[in-house]
Amino acid sequence: MLYIVVGSQTSADVRLRRPTTFVLPKGRTEPVDELRLYADDTDGFLSSARGR
């Protein structure tokens, strides 16, 4: 995971172990193996992502 501070948010690039599809309001995505997202509460995000 890569953290880059942008203003008061942190950008996180997440590499998945295998390509995964997601169900979004407009339908399923193509299989993806990397996500980019922004988190105000980085510690809370990591705790949730790790299942703790």
N, C-alpha and C. Protein backbone atom coordinates (compact mmCIF):
# COMPACT_ATOMS: atom_id res chain seq x y z
N MET A 1 0.84 -1.16 0.00
CA MET A 1 0.00 0.00 0.00
C MET A 1 0.89 1.23 0.00
N LEU A 2 0.52 2.22 -0.77
CA LEU A 2 1.29 3.45 -0.88
C LEU A 2 0.46 4.59 -0.34
N TYR A 3 1.04 5.40 0.54
CA TYR A 3 0.33 6.54 1.13
C TYR A 3 0.94 7.84 0.62
N ILE A 4 0.11 8.72 0.12
CA ILE A 4 0.55 10.03 -0.33
C ILE A 4 -0.38 11.06 0.30
N VAL A 5 0.18 11.96 1.11
CA VAL A 5 -0.64 12.97 1.77
C VAL A 5 -1.05 14.03 0.75
N VAL A 6 -2.35 14.28 0.65
CA VAL A 6 -2.91 15.28 -0.26
C VAL A 6 -3.85 16.15 0.57
N GLY A 7 -3.42 17.35 0.92
CA GLY A 7 -4.25 18.18 1.78
C GLY A 7 -4.45 17.47 3.11
N SER A 8 -5.70 17.30 3.50
CA SER A 8 -5.98 16.60 4.76
C SER A 8 -6.38 15.15 4.51
N GLN A 9 -6.26 14.68 3.27
CA GLN A 9 -6.62 13.30 2.94
C GLN A 9 -5.38 12.52 2.54
N THR A 10 -5.48 11.22 2.63
CA THR A 10 -4.40 10.34 2.21
C THR A 10 -4.90 9.48 1.07
N SER A 11 -4.10 9.39 0.02
CA SER A 11 -4.41 8.52 -1.11
C SER A 11 -3.80 7.16 -0.84
N ALA A 12 -4.58 6.11 -1.05
CA ALA A 12 -4.08 4.75 -0.84
C ALA A 12 -4.27 3.94 -2.12
N ASP A 13 -3.20 3.36 -2.62
CA ASP A 13 -3.27 2.43 -3.74
C ASP A 13 -3.23 1.03 -3.16
N VAL A 14 -4.25 0.24 -3.45
CA VAL A 14 -4.36 -1.10 -2.89
C VAL A 14 -4.25 -2.11 -4.02
N ARG A 15 -3.29 -3.01 -3.91
CA ARG A 15 -3.15 -4.10 -4.88
C ARG A 15 -3.86 -5.33 -4.33
N LEU A 16 -4.73 -5.90 -5.14
CA LEU A 16 -5.48 -7.08 -4.72
C LEU A 16 -4.70 -8.34 -5.08
N ARG A 17 -4.93 -9.41 -4.34
CA ARG A 17 -4.21 -10.67 -4.59
C ARG A 17 -4.60 -11.29 -5.92
N ARG A 18 -5.84 -11.07 -6.34
CA ARG A 18 -6.31 -11.61 -7.62
C ARG A 18 -7.34 -10.64 -8.21
N PRO A 19 -7.52 -10.64 -9.52
CA PRO A 19 -8.53 -9.76 -10.12
C PRO A 19 -9.91 -10.03 -9.52
N THR A 20 -10.62 -8.97 -9.21
CA THR A 20 -11.92 -9.04 -8.54
C THR A 20 -12.90 -8.11 -9.22
N THR A 21 -14.16 -8.52 -9.34
CA THR A 21 -15.19 -7.62 -9.86
C THR A 21 -15.97 -7.06 -8.68
N PHE A 22 -16.51 -5.87 -8.87
CA PHE A 22 -17.30 -5.20 -7.84
C PHE A 22 -18.65 -4.85 -8.40
N VAL A 23 -19.68 -4.89 -7.57
CA VAL A 23 -21.02 -4.49 -7.98
C VAL A 23 -21.21 -3.03 -7.59
N LEU A 24 -21.39 -2.18 -8.58
CA LEU A 24 -21.61 -0.76 -8.37
C LEU A 24 -23.02 -0.40 -8.83
N PRO A 25 -23.51 0.80 -8.51
CA PRO A 25 -24.87 1.17 -8.92
C PRO A 25 -25.13 0.99 -10.42
N LYS A 26 -24.11 1.18 -11.25
CA LYS A 26 -24.29 1.04 -12.70
C LYS A 26 -24.01 -0.38 -13.19
N GLY A 27 -23.78 -1.32 -12.29
CA GLY A 27 -23.52 -2.70 -12.67
C GLY A 27 -22.14 -3.15 -12.25
N ARG A 28 -21.79 -4.36 -12.68
CA ARG A 28 -20.48 -4.93 -12.33
C ARG A 28 -19.36 -4.25 -13.08
N THR A 29 -18.19 -4.23 -12.44
CA THR A 29 -17.00 -3.71 -13.08
C THR A 29 -16.31 -4.83 -13.84
N GLU A 30 -15.37 -4.46 -14.66
CA GLU A 30 -14.45 -5.44 -15.22
C GLU A 30 -13.56 -5.90 -14.06
N PRO A 31 -12.93 -7.06 -14.17
CA PRO A 31 -12.02 -7.48 -13.10
C PRO A 31 -10.89 -6.45 -12.93
N VAL A 32 -10.63 -6.08 -11.69
CA VAL A 32 -9.55 -5.13 -11.39
C VAL A 32 -8.60 -5.77 -10.39
N ASP A 33 -7.33 -5.35 -10.43
CA ASP A 33 -6.36 -5.86 -9.48
C ASP A 33 -5.73 -4.76 -8.64
N GLU A 34 -6.23 -3.52 -8.81
CA GLU A 34 -5.70 -2.41 -8.04
C GLU A 34 -6.80 -1.38 -7.81
N LEU A 35 -6.84 -0.82 -6.61
CA LEU A 35 -7.81 0.22 -6.26
C LEU A 35 -7.07 1.46 -5.83
N ARG A 36 -7.60 2.63 -6.13
CA ARG A 36 -7.08 3.88 -5.62
C ARG A 36 -8.21 4.57 -4.89
N LEU A 37 -7.97 4.94 -3.65
CA LEU A 37 -9.01 5.60 -2.87
C LEU A 37 -8.40 6.62 -1.94
N TYR A 38 -9.28 7.43 -1.34
CA TYR A 38 -8.86 8.49 -0.43
C TYR A 38 -9.52 8.27 0.91
N ALA A 39 -8.76 8.49 1.99
CA ALA A 39 -9.28 8.25 3.33
C ALA A 39 -8.95 9.44 4.23
N ASP A 40 -9.96 9.94 4.94
CA ASP A 40 -9.73 10.98 5.95
C ASP A 40 -9.14 10.36 7.21
N ASP A 41 -9.57 9.14 7.54
CA ASP A 41 -9.14 8.44 8.74
C ASP A 41 -8.34 7.21 8.31
N THR A 42 -7.06 7.41 8.05
CA THR A 42 -6.22 6.33 7.54
C THR A 42 -6.14 5.15 8.50
N ASP A 43 -5.98 5.43 9.79
CA ASP A 43 -5.89 4.34 10.76
C ASP A 43 -7.19 3.54 10.80
N GLY A 44 -8.33 4.22 10.76
CA GLY A 44 -9.62 3.53 10.74
C GLY A 44 -9.80 2.70 9.49
N PHE A 45 -9.37 3.25 8.35
CA PHE A 45 -9.45 2.51 7.09
C PHE A 45 -8.62 1.23 7.15
N LEU A 46 -7.37 1.35 7.61
CA LEU A 46 -6.50 0.18 7.68
C LEU A 46 -7.05 -0.86 8.64
N SER A 47 -7.56 -0.42 9.76
CA SER A 47 -8.15 -1.35 10.73
C SER A 47 -9.32 -2.11 10.13
N SER A 48 -10.19 -1.41 9.42
CA SER A 48 -11.34 -2.05 8.77
C SER A 48 -10.89 -2.98 7.64
N ALA A 49 -9.92 -2.54 6.85
CA ALA A 49 -9.46 -3.34 5.72
C ALA A 49 -8.80 -4.63 6.20
N ARG A 50 -8.17 -4.58 7.35
CA ARG A 50 -7.51 -5.77 7.89
C ARG A 50 -8.46 -6.64 8.68
N GLY A 51 -9.70 -6.17 8.87
CA GLY A 51 -10.70 -6.96 9.57
C GLY A 51 -10.53 -6.95 11.08
N ARG A 52 -9.96 -5.89 11.60
CA ARG A 52 -9.75 -5.80 13.06
C ARG A 52 -10.64 -4.78 13.68
